[in-house]
Amino acid sequence: MILALTLAVVLGTMAGALLSARRHAKAKTLADWAVGGRRFGVLVFWFLNAGEIYTTFAVLGISGFAWAHGAPAYLALTSVSLSATIGYWLMPNIWNAGRRFALVTQADFFASHYNATWLGVVVGIAGIAALVVYVQIQIVALSLIVRLTLGPEVSTIAAALIAAMVMLAFVYFAGLRSAAFAAGVKDVLMVVIVISLCITVASKVGATSMLDVYRLAQDQYPGIGRLPGLQPEAGLSTIWLMTAALNVALGNWILPHLFQLCFSAGTEATIRRNAIWQPLYSLSYFFIILLGLAALLAGTQPEGGDTNAVLLQFVSDRYPPWAIGIFAGTACLLALVPGSVLLLTAGSIFSRNILLPMMPSLSDRASLLASRLSMIVFAAIAVWLTLGGSRSLVEIGLSAYAAIGMLAPGVYFAFLWPRAHAWGVLAGIVVGYAALLLPQAQALWSALLPEWDHGLVAMAINAVVAAAVCLAWPRPTALAALPA
């Protein structure tokens, strides 16, 4: 029954997504396929945007983080609201630039504004690297669901390969419109399921109400409800929460798929309305954290202590097969929808900003084919990363935000500072990545700025270096800032 219900949810959604996509004209160009013809209205844009927030990172990752650490899971509550605040200003500016200059990808933006095709190539490579790390999150989660439904005898590598193939099949033919339909189905299903689980969870752990679950967790695990949580040695203090939340908020719309998503909106009003109401999604984290604490009270022990599998194990242990099947199917959609958009974005960047500069005569049809084929390579790399590590989804996600944050100064300078130029932005990116990735730099930040999020530190160094280079070596005629 579990497998049958899981397949019913996934295949039913895929069929609906393909039928929805066929109602519209078939994508003939990369722009049609990657940004939906720039025609999405409020509802479609809402579900696509929210779909990139309500992912396996949010549901499986944050619940597992609450199970392992407690209060540090509040990071999710703060970062979503901060991101929406910044997005209210930033997203319309990105949309305006995209509409004015017919941009399709984030790398297009850098190449166009800074008048440097080579910078677009650099940004494209950096963006793809961050996207592949984010795809890894979805494949890790999807492989766990595959093993839950098919049985533990399925090997880790087989589960990861199945997850990648399903994700590729999901996005391969229809493009962004199929993801838009599936995002709506996925969000509605998951909200209903999470709330339904929370309504019944108190009886599963000996509590009298949802709020009583929080009380019991505090009584049995003193300190779980305040920072630094259950593991003080992990350094997840108030300083960490503030700096990590700020880093996520500043880098959120710099993620190439969310940046590119801005181009798909039909109007500026669509984007602003979305930003106004988007923080409502953060309220769902109350229920997700609640489920993580309930799993802790229930003594849930996932195989190998894997925090990513906590909620799946809890539901499997405490609920009937029909509930497990529906939850597993919906959790599959949590990985498939954002994963498909991530792969689509990576493929768009590769064909348009890396391949096209080397082959200027490439036709639109050939560019679309190259984009689709490159997704197979990127999915394979994500599978390889999945097999090579066992970090929590939250840790992987923060790594992706830290990596893409190195492009943030170049975006903010484009709208705020006319003097910024390509060479200054490149210098900031290079120094920023060195500050983020070199072991010596990591040790230095840990000593000088203990408990600070290293991604925010590296982003700040990036911005300072970029500004210094632009001041010391001004262009003969500085580019005008894009209108804010």
Foldseek 3Di string as FASTA:
>chain_A
DLLVLLCCLQVVLLVVLVVQLVVDDFDPFLQCQQQVVLADFQLLLLLLVVLLLLFLCQFLQLLLCCLVFFALSCLSLLLQLLLLVVLLPQLLLLQVQCVVVVDQWPLSVQCVLQVNLVLSQVLLVLLLVLLLLLLLLLLLLQLLLVCVNVHVVQDSLNSSVVLLVSLLVSDQGRHPSSLSSLSVVLVVLVLVLLVVCQQCLCVQQVHDHLVRLVVVLCVVQPPSNAPPGNCVVVLSGPQLSVQLSVLCSLQVCLNTLNSSNSNNHNDSVSSNVSSVPSSVVSVSSSSSSSLSSSLNSNVFAPVPNQSSCSSLSSCVVRHDSSSSSSVSSSNNSSSSSSSNSSLSNSLLSCLPSPVCVVPVVQDRNNSSVSSSVVSSVSSVVSSVVSVVDRDRSNVSNSVSSLSSLLQSLVSVCLAPPQLQHSVLSVQLSVQLVCCQPPPVNVVVCCVVPNSRSSSSVSSVSSNVSSVVCSVVDTDPDGRDRRHD
